[in-house]
Amino acid sequence: MTRRSIREYTGAVRWRYLQASNKEKGKILDEFTKVTSHHRKAVIRLLHRGDKYRAKKRRGRSRCYSAELVAAPQVAREATDRVCSKRLQPFLTELSKVLRRNSESANGFYLNTLSTVDVATG
């Protein structure tokens, strides 16, 4: 089962579980564990949690590079037969001029800005 279908199933079973007696709760838990293959305690937590589905926030620093700037090093690596970034960085300005001249890449501007990017992130 997908997470979405488990959430839908949980929503359908929750009200019946919360209104049930202890014997009925046991039967509902058995049914739920068979259908979803979750552990009993996980099912109990799921049914008591409510509709609070929390999407996890991305941890750490925010991204500071655009999608075009991220795609530019891939073009440069392909043009140079996948040279490592430490050897590639000193030649990026020259490489961007050559790529622009041959019009192989529209990312010439981004290749120029890549020369200022750190080697580890480029």
PDB file of N, CA and C in Angstrom:
ATOM      1  N   MET A   1       0.842  -1.191   0.000  1.00  0.00           N
ATOM      2  CA  MET A   1       0.000   0.000   0.000  1.00  0.00           C
ATOM      3  C   MET A   1       0.881   1.247   0.000  1.00  0.00           C
ATOM      4  N   THR A   2       0.407   2.262  -0.673  1.00  0.00           N
ATOM      5  CA  THR A   2       1.137   3.519  -0.681  1.00  0.00           C
ATOM      6  C   THR A   2       0.793   4.310   0.576  1.00  0.00           C
ATOM      7  N   ARG A   3       1.582   5.302   0.854  1.00  0.00           N
ATOM      8  CA  ARG A   3       1.320   6.123   2.048  1.00  0.00           C
ATOM      9  C   ARG A   3      -0.018   6.841   1.946  1.00  0.00           C
ATOM     10  N   ARG A   4      -0.314   7.278   0.736  1.00  0.00           N
ATOM     11  CA  ARG A   4      -1.572   7.991   0.543  1.00  0.00           C
ATOM     12  C   ARG A   4      -2.767   7.080   0.818  1.00  0.00           C
ATOM     13  N   SER A   5      -2.708   5.843   0.310  1.00  0.00           N
ATOM     14  CA  SER A   5      -3.823   4.928   0.538  1.00  0.00           C
ATOM     15  C   SER A   5      -3.926   4.526   2.010  1.00  0.00           C
ATOM     16  N   ILE A   6      -2.781   4.440   2.704  1.00  0.00           N
ATOM     17  CA  ILE A   6      -2.811   4.152   4.147  1.00  0.00           C
ATOM     18  C   ILE A   6      -3.478   5.306   4.892  1.00  0.00           C
ATOM     19  N   ARG A   7      -3.180   6.553   4.474  1.00  0.00           N
ATOM     20  CA  ARG A   7      -3.823   7.711   5.106  1.00  0.00           C
ATOM     21  C   ARG A   7      -5.326   7.699   4.880  1.00  0.00           C
ATOM     22  N   GLU A   8      -5.736   7.351   3.653  1.00  0.00           N
ATOM     23  CA  GLU A   8      -7.171   7.285   3.367  1.00  0.00           C
ATOM     24  C   GLU A   8      -7.839   6.187   4.189  1.00  0.00           C
ATOM     25  N   TYR A   9      -7.192   5.037   4.276  1.00  0.00           N
ATOM     26  CA  TYR A   9      -7.727   3.921   5.051  1.00  0.00           C
ATOM     27  C   TYR A   9      -7.808   4.280   6.531  1.00  0.00           C
ATOM     28  N   THR A  10      -6.787   4.979   7.023  1.00  0.00           N
ATOM     29  CA  THR A  10      -6.784   5.417   8.418  1.00  0.00           C
ATOM     30  C   THR A  10      -7.954   6.352   8.683  1.00  0.00           C
ATOM     31  N   GLY A  11      -8.192   7.269   7.769  1.00  0.00           N
ATOM     32  CA  GLY A  11      -9.310   8.198   7.927  1.00  0.00           C
ATOM     33  C   GLY A  11     -10.649   7.482   7.958  1.00  0.00           C
ATOM     34  N   ALA A  12     -10.755   6.403   7.184  1.00  0.00           N
ATOM     35  CA  ALA A  12     -12.016   5.662   7.149  1.00  0.00           C
ATOM     36  C   ALA A  12     -12.221   4.843   8.421  1.00  0.00           C
ATOM     37  N   VAL A  13     -11.147   4.339   9.008  1.00  0.00           N
ATOM     38  CA  VAL A  13     -11.252   3.435  10.162  1.00  0.00           C
ATOM     39  C   VAL A  13     -11.229   4.196  11.488  1.00  0.00           C
ATOM     40  N   ARG A  14     -10.674   5.388  11.504  1.00  0.00           N
ATOM     41  CA  ARG A  14     -10.433   6.117  12.755  1.00  0.00           C
ATOM     42  C   ARG A  14     -11.693   6.298  13.594  1.00  0.00           C
ATOM     43  N   TRP A  15     -12.766   6.807  12.998  1.00  0.00           N
ATOM     44  CA  TRP A  15     -13.987   7.088  13.765  1.00  0.00           C
ATOM     45  C   TRP A  15     -14.558   5.804  14.362  1.00  0.00           C
ATOM     46  N   ARG A  16     -14.536   4.730  13.574  1.00  0.00           N
ATOM     47  CA  ARG A  16     -15.045   3.439  14.055  1.00  0.00           C
ATOM     48  C   ARG A  16     -14.193   2.938  15.222  1.00  0.00           C
ATOM     49  N   TYR A  17     -12.868   3.153  15.149  1.00  0.00           N
ATOM     50  CA  TYR A  17     -11.947   2.716  16.205  1.00  0.00           C
ATOM     51  C   TYR A  17     -12.177   3.509  17.485  1.00  0.00           C
ATOM     52  N   LEU A  18     -12.302   4.809  17.356  1.00  0.00           N
ATOM     53  CA  LEU A  18     -12.452   5.657  18.545  1.00  0.00           C
ATOM     54  C   LEU A  18     -13.780   5.424  19.262  1.00  0.00           C
ATOM     55  N   GLN A  19     -14.813   5.005  18.562  1.00  0.00           N
ATOM     56  CA  GLN A  19     -16.124   4.755  19.165  1.00  0.00           C
ATOM     57  C   GLN A  19     -16.282   3.327  19.672  1.00  0.00           C
ATOM     58  N   ALA A  20     -15.347   2.443  19.355  1.00  0.00           N
ATOM     59  CA  ALA A  20     -15.489   1.011  19.644  1.00  0.00           C
ATOM     60  C   ALA A  20     -15.130   0.681  21.089  1.00  0.00           C
ATOM     61  N   SER A  21     -15.633  -0.484  21.545  1.00  0.00           N
ATOM     62  CA  SER A  21     -15.239  -1.003  22.860  1.00  0.00           C
ATOM     63  C   SER A  21     -13.866  -1.659  22.732  1.00  0.00           C
ATOM     64  N   ASN A  22     -13.310  -2.122  23.863  1.00  0.00           N
ATOM     65  CA  ASN A  22     -11.963  -2.692  23.831  1.00  0.00           C
ATOM     66  C   ASN A  22     -11.872  -3.934  22.946  1.00  0.00           C
ATOM     67  N   LYS A  23     -12.889  -4.814  22.989  1.00  0.00           N
ATOM     68  CA  LYS A  23     -12.864  -6.015  22.150  1.00  0.00           C
ATOM     69  C   LYS A  23     -12.914  -5.650  20.675  1.00  0.00           C
ATOM     70  N   GLU A  24     -13.786  -4.697  20.350  1.00  0.00           N
ATOM     71  CA  GLU A  24     -13.904  -4.268  18.960  1.00  0.00           C
ATOM     72  C   GLU A  24     -12.625  -3.580  18.490  1.00  0.00           C
ATOM     73  N   LYS A  25     -11.995  -2.819  19.397  1.00  0.00           N
ATOM     74  CA  LYS A  25     -10.728  -2.171  19.040  1.00  0.00           C
ATOM     75  C   LYS A  25      -9.673  -3.198  18.683  1.00  0.00           C
ATOM     76  N   GLY A  26      -9.631  -4.291  19.431  1.00  0.00           N
ATOM     77  CA  GLY A  26      -8.681  -5.360  19.123  1.00  0.00           C
ATOM     78  C   GLY A  26      -8.911  -5.942  17.742  1.00  0.00           C
ATOM     79  N   LYS A  27     -10.181  -6.152  17.384  1.00  0.00           N
ATOM     80  CA  LYS A  27     -10.510  -6.682  16.059  1.00  0.00           C
ATOM     81  C   LYS A  27     -10.136  -5.694  14.967  1.00  0.00           C
ATOM     82  N   ILE A  28     -10.396  -4.410  15.214  1.00  0.00           N
ATOM     83  CA  ILE A  28     -10.055  -3.378  14.232  1.00  0.00           C
ATOM     84  C   ILE A  28      -8.545  -3.309  14.046  1.00  0.00           C
ATOM     85  N   LEU A  29      -7.801  -3.408  15.164  1.00  0.00           N
ATOM     86  CA  LEU A  29      -6.345  -3.381  15.069  1.00  0.00           C
ATOM     87  C   LEU A  29      -5.818  -4.591  14.292  1.00  0.00           C
ATOM     88  N   ASP A  30      -6.381  -5.769  14.531  1.00  0.00           N
ATOM     89  CA  ASP A  30      -5.984  -6.963  13.786  1.00  0.00           C
ATOM     90  C   ASP A  30      -6.222  -6.780  12.289  1.00  0.00           C
ATOM     91  N   GLU A  31      -7.389  -6.249  11.963  1.00  0.00           N
ATOM     92  CA  GLU A  31      -7.734  -6.010  10.554  1.00  0.00           C
ATOM     93  C   GLU A  31      -6.758  -5.012   9.925  1.00  0.00           C
ATOM     94  N   PHE A  32      -6.476  -3.926  10.654  1.00  0.00           N
ATOM     95  CA  PHE A  32      -5.606  -2.871  10.139  1.00  0.00           C
ATOM     96  C   PHE A  32      -4.187  -3.391   9.933  1.00  0.00           C
ATOM     97  N   THR A  33      -3.684  -4.196  10.875  1.00  0.00           N
ATOM     98  CA  THR A  33      -2.329  -4.726  10.733  1.00  0.00           C
ATOM     99  C   THR A  33      -2.232  -5.710   9.573  1.00  0.00           C
ATOM    100  N   LYS A  34      -3.296  -6.463   9.306  1.00  0.00           N
ATOM    101  CA  LYS A  34      -3.288  -7.378   8.156  1.00  0.00           C
ATOM    102  C   LYS A  34      -3.251  -6.603   6.844  1.00  0.00           C
ATOM    103  N   VAL A  35      -4.063  -5.566   6.761  1.00  0.00           N
ATOM    104  CA  VAL A  35      -4.180  -4.808   5.514  1.00  0.00           C
ATOM    105  C   VAL A  35      -2.914  -4.002   5.226  1.00  0.00           C
ATOM    106  N   THR A  36      -2.371  -3.327   6.242  1.00  0.00           N
ATOM    107  CA  THR A  36      -1.259  -2.414   6.007  1.00  0.00           C
ATOM    108  C   THR A  36       0.101  -2.992   6.359  1.00  0.00           C
ATOM    109  N   SER A  37       0.134  -4.108   7.054  1.00  0.00           N
ATOM    110  CA  SER A  37       1.366  -4.751   7.547  1.00  0.00           C
ATOM    111  C   SER A  37       2.185  -3.824   8.459  1.00  0.00           C
ATOM    112  N   HIS A  38       1.496  -2.946   9.183  1.00  0.00           N
ATOM    113  CA  HIS A  38       2.129  -2.124  10.218  1.00  0.00           C
ATOM    114  C   HIS A  38       2.086  -2.896  11.538  1.00  0.00           C
ATOM    115  N   HIS A  39       2.950  -2.519  12.475  1.00  0.00           N
ATOM    116  CA  HIS A  39       2.909  -3.096  13.818  1.00  0.00           C
ATOM    117  C   HIS A  39       1.724  -2.502  14.589  1.00  0.00           C
ATOM    118  N   ARG A  40       1.266  -3.232  15.587  1.00  0.00           N
ATOM    119  CA  ARG A  40       0.088  -2.806  16.349  1.00  0.00           C
ATOM    120  C   ARG A  40       0.268  -1.443  17.000  1.00  0.00           C
ATOM    121  N   LYS A  41       1.420  -1.226  17.635  1.00  0.00           N
ATOM    122  CA  LYS A  41       1.640   0.049  18.317  1.00  0.00           C
ATOM    123  C   LYS A  41       1.669   1.206  17.319  1.00  0.00           C
ATOM    124  N   ALA A  42       2.223   0.955  16.156  1.00  0.00           N
ATOM    125  CA  ALA A  42       2.251   1.996  15.127  1.00  0.00           C
ATOM    126  C   ALA A  42       0.829   2.314  14.663  1.00  0.00           C
ATOM    127  N   VAL A  43      -0.002   1.290  14.559  1.00  0.00           N
ATOM    128  CA  VAL A  43      -1.393   1.485  14.152  1.00  0.00           C
ATOM    129  C   VAL A  43      -2.149   2.266  15.218  1.00  0.00           C
ATOM    130  N   ILE A  44      -1.920   1.943  16.487  1.00  0.00           N
ATOM    131  CA  ILE A  44      -2.583   2.661  17.578  1.00  0.00           C
ATOM    132  C   ILE A  44      -2.213   4.136  17.530  1.00  0.00           C
ATOM    133  N   ARG A  45      -0.918   4.427  17.339  1.00  0.00           N
ATOM    134  CA  ARG A  45      -0.482   5.825  17.251  1.00  0.00           C
ATOM    135  C   ARG A  45      -1.123   6.518  16.055  1.00  0.00           C
ATOM    136  N   LEU A  46      -1.176   5.808  14.941  1.00  0.00           N
ATOM    137  CA  LEU A  46      -1.759   6.373  13.728  1.00  0.00           C
ATOM    138  C   LEU A  46      -3.230   6.719  13.933  1.00  0.00           C
ATOM    139  N   LEU A  47      -3.965   5.828  14.563  1.00  0.00           N
ATOM    140  CA  LEU A  47      -5.397   6.051  14.745  1.00  0.00           C
ATOM    141  C   LEU A  47      -5.698   7.127  15.782  1.00  0.00           C
ATOM    142  N   HIS A  48      -4.819   7.322  16.729  1.00  0.00           N
ATOM    143  CA  HIS A  48      -5.033   8.353  17.752  1.00  0.00           C
ATOM    144  C   HIS A  48      -4.505   9.715  17.320  1.00  0.00           C
ATOM    145  N   ARG A  49      -3.625   9.733  16.334  1.00  0.00           N
ATOM    146  CA  ARG A  49      -2.958  10.978  15.956  1.00  0.00           C
ATOM    147  C   ARG A  49      -3.902  12.003  15.361  1.00  0.00           C
ATOM    148  N   GLY A  50      -4.892  11.607  14.643  1.00  0.00           N
ATOM    149  CA  GLY A  50      -5.801  12.554  14.017  1.00  0.00           C
ATOM    150  C   GLY A  50      -5.358  12.872  12.603  1.00  0.00           C
ATOM    151  N   ASP A  51      -5.837  13.978  12.065  1.00  0.00           N
ATOM    152  CA  ASP A  51      -5.549  14.344  10.680  1.00  0.00           C
ATOM    153  C   ASP A  51      -4.289  15.189  10.542  1.00  0.00           C
ATOM    154  N   LYS A  52      -3.437  15.157  11.511  1.00  0.00           N
ATOM    155  CA  LYS A  52      -2.235  15.976  11.481  1.00  0.00           C
ATOM    156  C   LYS A  52      -1.153  15.285  10.657  1.00  0.00           C
ATOM    157  N   TYR A  53      -1.262  15.339   9.351  1.00  0.00           N
ATOM    158  CA  TYR A  53      -0.184  14.798   8.521  1.00  0.00           C
ATOM    159  C   TYR A  53       0.845  15.890   8.351  1.00  0.00           C
ATOM    160  N   ARG A  54       2.020  15.650   8.864  1.00  0.00           N
ATOM    161  CA  ARG A  54       3.066  16.659   8.840  1.00  0.00           C
ATOM    162  C   ARG A  54       4.095  16.317   7.771  1.00  0.00           C
ATOM    163  N   ALA A  55       4.245  17.207   6.820  1.00  0.00           N
ATOM    164  CA  ALA A  55       5.309  17.042   5.833  1.00  0.00           C
ATOM    165  C   ALA A  55       6.597  17.535   6.490  1.00  0.00           C
ATOM    166  N   LYS A  56       7.653  16.765   6.334  1.00  0.00           N
ATOM    167  CA  LYS A  56       8.911  17.138   6.966  1.00  0.00           C
ATOM    168  C   LYS A  56       9.528  18.332   6.267  1.00  0.00           C
ATOM    169  N   LYS A  57       9.984  19.265   7.065  1.00  0.00           N
ATOM    170  CA  LYS A  57      10.679  20.412   6.507  1.00  0.00           C
ATOM    171  C   LYS A  57      12.084  19.998   6.109  1.00  0.00           C
ATOM    172  N   ARG A  58      12.573  20.598   5.072  1.00  0.00           N
ATOM    173  CA  ARG A  58      13.932  20.337   4.642  1.00  0.00           C
ATOM    174  C   ARG A  58      14.871  20.986   5.648  1.00  0.00           C
ATOM    175  N   ARG A  59      15.787  20.186   6.163  1.00  0.00           N
ATOM    176  CA  ARG A  59      16.699  20.705   7.175  1.00  0.00           C
ATOM    177  C   ARG A  59      17.900  21.341   6.524  1.00  0.00           C
ATOM    178  N   GLY A  60      18.581  22.161   7.297  1.00  0.00           N
ATOM    179  CA  GLY A  60      19.816  22.764   6.825  1.00  0.00           C
ATOM    180  C   GLY A  60      19.596  24.090   6.121  1.00  0.00           C
ATOM    181  N   ARG A  61      20.646  24.518   5.440  1.00  0.00           N
ATOM    182  CA  ARG A  61      20.605  25.798   4.752  1.00  0.00           C
ATOM    183  C   ARG A  61      19.761  25.694   3.485  1.00  0.00           C
ATOM    184  N   SER A  62      19.221  26.822   3.074  1.00  0.00           N
ATOM    185  CA  SER A  62      18.432  26.837   1.850  1.00  0.00           C
ATOM    186  C   SER A  62      19.362  26.785   0.644  1.00  0.00           C
ATOM    187  N   ARG A  63      18.819  26.351  -0.482  1.00  0.00           N
ATOM    188  CA  ARG A  63      19.619  26.250  -1.698  1.00  0.00           C
ATOM    189  C   ARG A  63      19.872  27.639  -2.240  1.00  0.00           C
ATOM    190  N   CYS A  64      21.093  27.870  -2.677  1.00  0.00           N
ATOM    191  CA  CYS A  64      21.422  29.204  -3.175  1.00  0.00           C
ATOM    192  C   CYS A  64      21.729  29.195  -4.666  1.00  0.00           C
ATOM    193  N   TYR A  65      21.629  28.042  -5.338  1.00  0.00           N
ATOM    194  CA  TYR A  65      21.917  27.970  -6.758  1.00  0.00           C
ATOM    195  C   TYR A  65      20.638  27.677  -7.527  1.00  0.00           C
ATOM    196  N   SER A  66      20.484  28.306  -8.686  1.00  0.00           N
ATOM    197  CA  SER A  66      19.305  28.075  -9.518  1.00  0.00           C
ATOM    198  C   SER A  66      19.451  26.760 -10.284  1.00  0.00           C
ATOM    199  N   ALA A  67      18.376  26.323 -10.904  1.00  0.00           N
ATOM    200  CA  ALA A  67      18.403  25.063 -11.654  1.00  0.00           C
ATOM    201  C   ALA A  67      19.342  25.152 -12.857  1.00  0.00           C
ATOM    202  N   GLU A  68      19.391  26.328 -13.505  1.00  0.00           N
ATOM    203  CA  GLU A  68      20.284  26.501 -14.657  1.00  0.00           C
ATOM    204  C   GLU A  68      21.741  26.437 -14.226  1.00  0.00           C
ATOM    205  N   LEU A  69      22.033  27.024 -13.065  1.00  0.00           N
ATOM    206  CA  LEU A  69      23.409  27.000 -12.572  1.00  0.00           C
ATOM    207  C   LEU A  69      23.817  25.594 -12.159  1.00  0.00           C
ATOM    208  N   VAL A  70      22.880  24.798 -11.700  1.00  0.00           N
ATOM    209  CA  VAL A  70      23.187  23.416 -11.336  1.00  0.00           C
ATOM    210  C   VAL A  70      23.403  22.574 -12.592  1.00  0.00           C
ATOM    211  N   ALA A  71      22.700  22.883 -13.691  1.00  0.00           N
ATOM    212  CA  ALA A  71      22.843  22.124 -14.934  1.00  0.00           C
ATOM    213  C   ALA A  71      24.125  22.473 -15.680  1.00  0.00           C
ATOM    214  N   ALA A  72      24.674  23.654 -15.447  1.00  0.00           N
ATOM    215  CA  ALA A  72      25.867  24.097 -16.170  1.00  0.00           C
ATOM    216  C   ALA A  72      27.087  23.207 -15.938  1.00  0.00           C
ATOM    217  N   PRO A  73      27.396  22.758 -14.719  1.00  0.00           N
ATOM    218  CA  PRO A  73      28.570  21.906 -14.560  1.00  0.00           C
ATOM    219  C   PRO A  73      28.438  20.571 -15.287  1.00  0.00           C
ATOM    220  N   GLN A  74      27.218  20.085 -15.445  1.00  0.00           N
ATOM    221  CA  GLN A  74      27.026  18.834 -16.177  1.00  0.00           C
ATOM    222  C   GLN A  74      27.400  19.010 -17.634  1.00  0.00           C
ATOM    223  N   VAL A  75      27.055  20.161 -18.213  1.00  0.00           N
ATOM    224  CA  VAL A  75      27.434  20.451 -19.595  1.00  0.00           C
ATOM    225  C   VAL A  75      28.953  20.542 -19.697  1.00  0.00           C
ATOM    226  N   ALA A  76      29.576  21.200 -18.724  1.00  0.00           N
ATOM    227  CA  ALA A  76      31.033  21.348 -18.742  1.00  0.00           C
ATOM    228  C   ALA A  76      31.725  19.994 -18.580  1.00  0.00           C
ATOM    229  N   ARG A  77      31.213  19.155 -17.712  1.00  0.00           N
ATOM    230  CA  ARG A  77      31.820  17.829 -17.517  1.00  0.00           C
ATOM    231  C   ARG A  77      31.709  16.979 -18.763  1.00  0.00           C
ATOM    232  N   GLU A  78      30.552  17.037 -19.429  1.00  0.00           N
ATOM    233  CA  GLU A  78      30.374  16.251 -20.653  1.00  0.00           C
ATOM    234  C   GLU A  78      31.299  16.751 -21.754  1.00  0.00           C
ATOM    235  N   ALA A  79      31.501  18.065 -21.831  1.00  0.00           N
ATOM    236  CA  ALA A  79      32.359  18.632 -22.878  1.00  0.00           C
ATOM    237  C   ALA A  79      33.829  18.278 -22.661  1.00  0.00           C
ATOM    238  N   THR A  80      34.211  18.009 -21.408  1.00  0.00           N
ATOM    239  CA  THR A  80      35.614  17.714 -21.110  1.00  0.00           C
ATOM    240  C   THR A  80      35.844  16.254 -20.745  1.00  0.00           C
ATOM    241  N   ASP A  81      34.961  15.377 -21.166  1.00  0.00           N
ATOM    242  CA  ASP A  81      35.074  13.942 -20.878  1.00  0.00           C
ATOM    243  C   ASP A  81      35.135  13.635 -19.387  1.00  0.00           C
ATOM    244  N   ARG A  82      34.271  14.301 -18.642  1.00  0.00           N
ATOM    245  CA  ARG A  82      34.086  14.047 -17.206  1.00  0.00           C
ATOM    246  C   ARG A  82      35.347  14.217 -16.355  1.00  0.00           C
ATOM    247  N   VAL A  83      35.984  15.349 -16.537  1.00  0.00           N
ATOM    248  CA  VAL A  83      37.147  15.691 -15.715  1.00  0.00           C
ATOM    249  C   VAL A  83      36.650  16.060 -14.323  1.00  0.00           C
ATOM    250  N   CYS A  84      37.419  15.754 -13.291  1.00  0.00           N
ATOM    251  CA  CYS A  84      36.980  16.064 -11.929  1.00  0.00           C
ATOM    252  C   CYS A  84      36.901  17.581 -11.721  1.00  0.00           C
ATOM    253  N   SER A  85      36.119  17.997 -10.744  1.00  0.00           N
ATOM    254  CA  SER A  85      35.829  19.415 -10.553  1.00  0.00           C
ATOM    255  C   SER A  85      37.064  20.232 -10.187  1.00  0.00           C
ATOM    256  N   LYS A  86      38.008  19.628  -9.477  1.00  0.00           N
ATOM    257  CA  LYS A  86      39.208  20.376  -9.097  1.00  0.00           C
ATOM    258  C   LYS A  86      40.066  20.714 -10.302  1.00  0.00           C
ATOM    259  N   ARG A  87      40.088  19.833 -11.288  1.00  0.00           N
ATOM    260  CA  ARG A  87      40.853  20.109 -12.506  1.00  0.00           C
ATOM    261  C   ARG A  87      40.053  20.950 -13.487  1.00  0.00           C
ATOM    262  N   LEU A  88      38.752  20.899 -13.395  1.00  0.00           N
ATOM    263  CA  LEU A  88      37.894  21.613 -14.325  1.00  0.00           C
ATOM    264  C   LEU A  88      37.760  23.088 -13.990  1.00  0.00           C
ATOM    265  N   GLN A  89      37.732  23.446 -12.722  1.00  0.00           N
ATOM    266  CA  GLN A  89      37.438  24.814 -12.319  1.00  0.00           C
ATOM    267  C   GLN A  89      38.396  25.863 -12.898  1.00  0.00           C
ATOM    268  N   PRO A  90      39.703  25.641 -12.933  1.00  0.00           N
ATOM    269  CA  PRO A  90      40.574  26.696 -13.491  1.00  0.00           C
ATOM    270  C   PRO A  90      40.299  26.991 -14.966  1.00  0.00           C
ATOM    271  N   PHE A  91      39.690  26.081 -15.686  1.00  0.00           N
ATOM    272  CA  PHE A  91      39.484  26.258 -17.113  1.00  0.00           C
ATOM    273  C   PHE A  91      38.046  26.596 -17.484  1.00  0.00           C
ATOM    274  N   LEU A  92      37.207  26.868 -16.510  1.00  0.00           N
ATOM    275  CA  LEU A  92      35.796  27.113 -16.795  1.00  0.00           C
ATOM    276  C   LEU A  92      35.570  28.375 -17.621  1.00  0.00           C
ATOM    277  N   THR A  93      36.305  29.451 -17.362  1.00  0.00           N
ATOM    278  CA  THR A  93      36.097  30.681 -18.142  1.00  0.00           C
ATOM    279  C   THR A  93      36.484  30.456 -19.600  1.00  0.00           C
ATOM    280  N   GLU A  94      37.596  29.784 -19.822  1.00  0.00           N
ATOM    281  CA  GLU A  94      38.019  29.478 -21.185  1.00  0.00           C
ATOM    282  C   GLU A  94      37.044  28.505 -21.857  1.00  0.00           C
ATOM    283  N   LEU A  95      36.589  27.527 -21.113  1.00  0.00           N
ATOM    284  CA  LEU A  95      35.653  26.549 -21.638  1.00  0.00           C
ATOM    285  C   LEU A  95      34.330  27.198 -22.017  1.00  0.00           C
ATOM    286  N   SER A  96      33.862  28.166 -21.226  1.00  0.00           N
ATOM    287  CA  SER A  96      32.594  28.837 -21.544  1.00  0.00           C
ATOM    288  C   SER A  96      32.712  29.624 -22.841  1.00  0.00           C
ATOM    289  N   LYS A  97      33.892  30.236 -23.090  1.00  0.00           N
ATOM    290  CA  LYS A  97      34.093  30.965 -24.353  1.00  0.00           C
ATOM    291  C   LYS A  97      34.040  30.008 -25.536  1.00  0.00           C
ATOM    292  N   VAL A  98      34.665  28.844 -25.384  1.00  0.00           N
ATOM    293  CA  VAL A  98      34.676  27.858 -26.470  1.00  0.00           C
ATOM    294  C   VAL A  98      33.276  27.314 -26.726  1.00  0.00           C
ATOM    295  N   LEU A  99      32.548  27.030 -25.665  1.00  0.00           N
ATOM    296  CA  LEU A  99      31.190  26.510 -25.827  1.00  0.00           C
ATOM    297  C   LEU A  99      30.260  27.544 -26.453  1.00  0.00           C
ATOM    298  N   ARG A 100      30.439  28.810 -26.090  1.00  0.00           N
ATOM    299  CA  ARG A 100      29.630  29.861 -26.707  1.00  0.00           C
ATOM    300  C   ARG A 100      29.954  29.997 -28.192  1.00  0.00           C
ATOM    301  N   ARG A 101      31.257  29.935 -28.503  1.00  0.00           N
ATOM    302  CA  ARG A 101      31.690  30.068 -29.889  1.00  0.00           C
ATOM    303  C   ARG A 101      31.119  28.939 -30.743  1.00  0.00           C
ATOM    304  N   ASN A 102      31.114  27.745 -30.215  1.00  0.00           N
ATOM    305  CA  ASN A 102      30.591  26.605 -30.951  1.00  0.00           C
ATOM    306  C   ASN A 102      29.079  26.462 -30.790  1.00  0.00           C
ATOM    307  N   SER A 103      28.481  27.332 -29.998  1.00  0.00           N
ATOM    308  CA  SER A 103      27.043  27.375 -29.707  1.00  0.00           C
ATOM    309  C   SER A 103      26.491  26.007 -29.324  1.00  0.00           C
ATOM    310  N   GLU A 104      27.270  25.249 -28.578  1.00  0.00           N
ATOM    311  CA  GLU A 104      26.811  23.954 -28.088  1.00  0.00           C
ATOM    312  C   GLU A 104      25.953  24.113 -26.840  1.00  0.00           C
ATOM    313  N   SER A 105      26.129  25.229 -26.152  1.00  0.00           N
ATOM    314  CA  SER A 105      25.423  25.377 -24.893  1.00  0.00           C
ATOM    315  C   SER A 105      24.902  26.791 -24.739  1.00  0.00           C
ATOM    316  N   ALA A 106      23.690  26.904 -24.252  1.00  0.00           N
ATOM    317  CA  ALA A 106      23.129  28.214 -23.923  1.00  0.00           C
ATOM    318  C   ALA A 106      23.505  28.598 -22.501  1.00  0.00           C
ATOM    319  N   ASN A 107      24.265  27.743 -21.824  1.00  0.00           N
ATOM    320  CA  ASN A 107      24.636  27.977 -20.425  1.00  0.00           C
ATOM    321  C   ASN A 107      25.972  28.693 -20.301  1.00  0.00           C
ATOM    322  N   GLY A 108      26.378  29.425 -21.302  1.00  0.00           N
ATOM    323  CA  GLY A 108      27.665  30.119 -21.252  1.00  0.00           C
ATOM    324  C   GLY A 108      27.759  31.091 -20.099  1.00  0.00           C
ATOM    325  N   PHE A 109      26.668  31.817 -19.849  1.00  0.00           N
ATOM    326  CA  PHE A 109      26.641  32.760 -18.732  1.00  0.00           C
ATOM    327  C   PHE A 109      26.854  32.024 -17.418  1.00  0.00           C
ATOM    328  N   TYR A 110      26.204  30.906 -17.275  1.00  0.00           N
ATOM    329  CA  TYR A 110      26.310  30.149 -16.030  1.00  0.00           C
ATOM    330  C   TYR A 110      27.683  29.512 -15.886  1.00  0.00           C
ATOM    331  N   LEU A 111      28.309  29.138 -17.002  1.00  0.00           N
ATOM    332  CA  LEU A 111      29.666  28.598 -16.922  1.00  0.00           C
ATOM    333  C   LEU A 111      30.631  29.671 -16.454  1.00  0.00           C
ATOM    334  N   ASN A 112      30.405  30.935 -16.865  1.00  0.00           N
ATOM    335  CA  ASN A 112      31.245  32.025 -16.367  1.00  0.00           C
ATOM    336  C   ASN A 112      31.075  32.203 -14.866  1.00  0.00           C
ATOM    337  N   THR A 113      29.852  32.106 -14.380  1.00  0.00           N
ATOM    338  CA  THR A 113      29.628  32.284 -12.943  1.00  0.00           C
ATOM    339  C   THR A 113      30.129  31.085 -12.150  1.00  0.00           C
ATOM    340  N   LEU A 114      30.265  29.945 -12.796  1.00  0.00           N
ATOM    341  CA  LEU A 114      30.769  28.762 -12.092  1.00  0.00           C
ATOM    342  C   LEU A 114      32.205  28.913 -11.633  1.00  0.00           C
ATOM    343  N   SER A 115      32.967  29.762 -12.299  1.00  0.00           N
ATOM    344  CA  SER A 115      34.356  29.957 -11.894  1.00  0.00           C
ATOM    345  C   SER A 115      34.459  30.573 -10.508  1.00  0.00           C
ATOM    346  N   THR A 116      33.376  31.209 -10.034  1.00  0.00           N
ATOM    347  CA  THR A 116      33.389  31.795  -8.697  1.00  0.00           C
ATOM    348  C   THR A 116      32.828  30.832  -7.640  1.00  0.00           C
ATOM    349  N   VAL A 117      32.220  29.725  -8.086  1.00  0.00           N
ATOM    350  CA  VAL A 117      31.621  28.761  -7.160  1.00  0.00           C
ATOM    351  C   VAL A 117      32.712  27.898  -6.554  1.00  0.00           C
ATOM    352  N   ASP A 118      32.505  27.481  -5.335  1.00  0.00           N
ATOM    353  CA  ASP A 118      33.461  26.628  -4.636  1.00  0.00           C
ATOM    354  C   ASP A 118      33.633  25.294  -5.366  1.00  0.00           C
ATOM    355  N   VAL A 119      34.841  24.741  -5.338  1.00  0.00           N
ATOM    356  CA  VAL A 119      35.147  23.509  -6.047  1.00  0.00           C
ATOM    357  C   VAL A 119      34.292  22.350  -5.538  1.00  0.00           C
ATOM    358  N   ALA A 120      34.068  22.279  -4.247  1.00  0.00           N
ATOM    359  CA  ALA A 120      33.327  21.154  -3.680  1.00  0.00           C
ATOM    360  C   ALA A 120      31.863  21.165  -4.105  1.00  0.00           C
ATOM    361  N   THR A 121      31.271  22.363  -4.265  1.00  0.00           N
ATOM    362  CA  THR A 121      29.876  22.429  -4.672  1.00  0.00           C
ATOM    363  C   THR A 121      29.733  22.457  -6.172  1.00  0.00           C
ATOM    364  N   GLY A 122      30.754  22.790  -6.901  1.00  0.00           N
ATOM    365  CA  GLY A 122      30.676  22.847  -8.368  1.00  0.00           C
ATOM    366  C   GLY A 122      30.945  21.531  -8.910  1.00  0.00           C
TER     367      GLY A 122
END
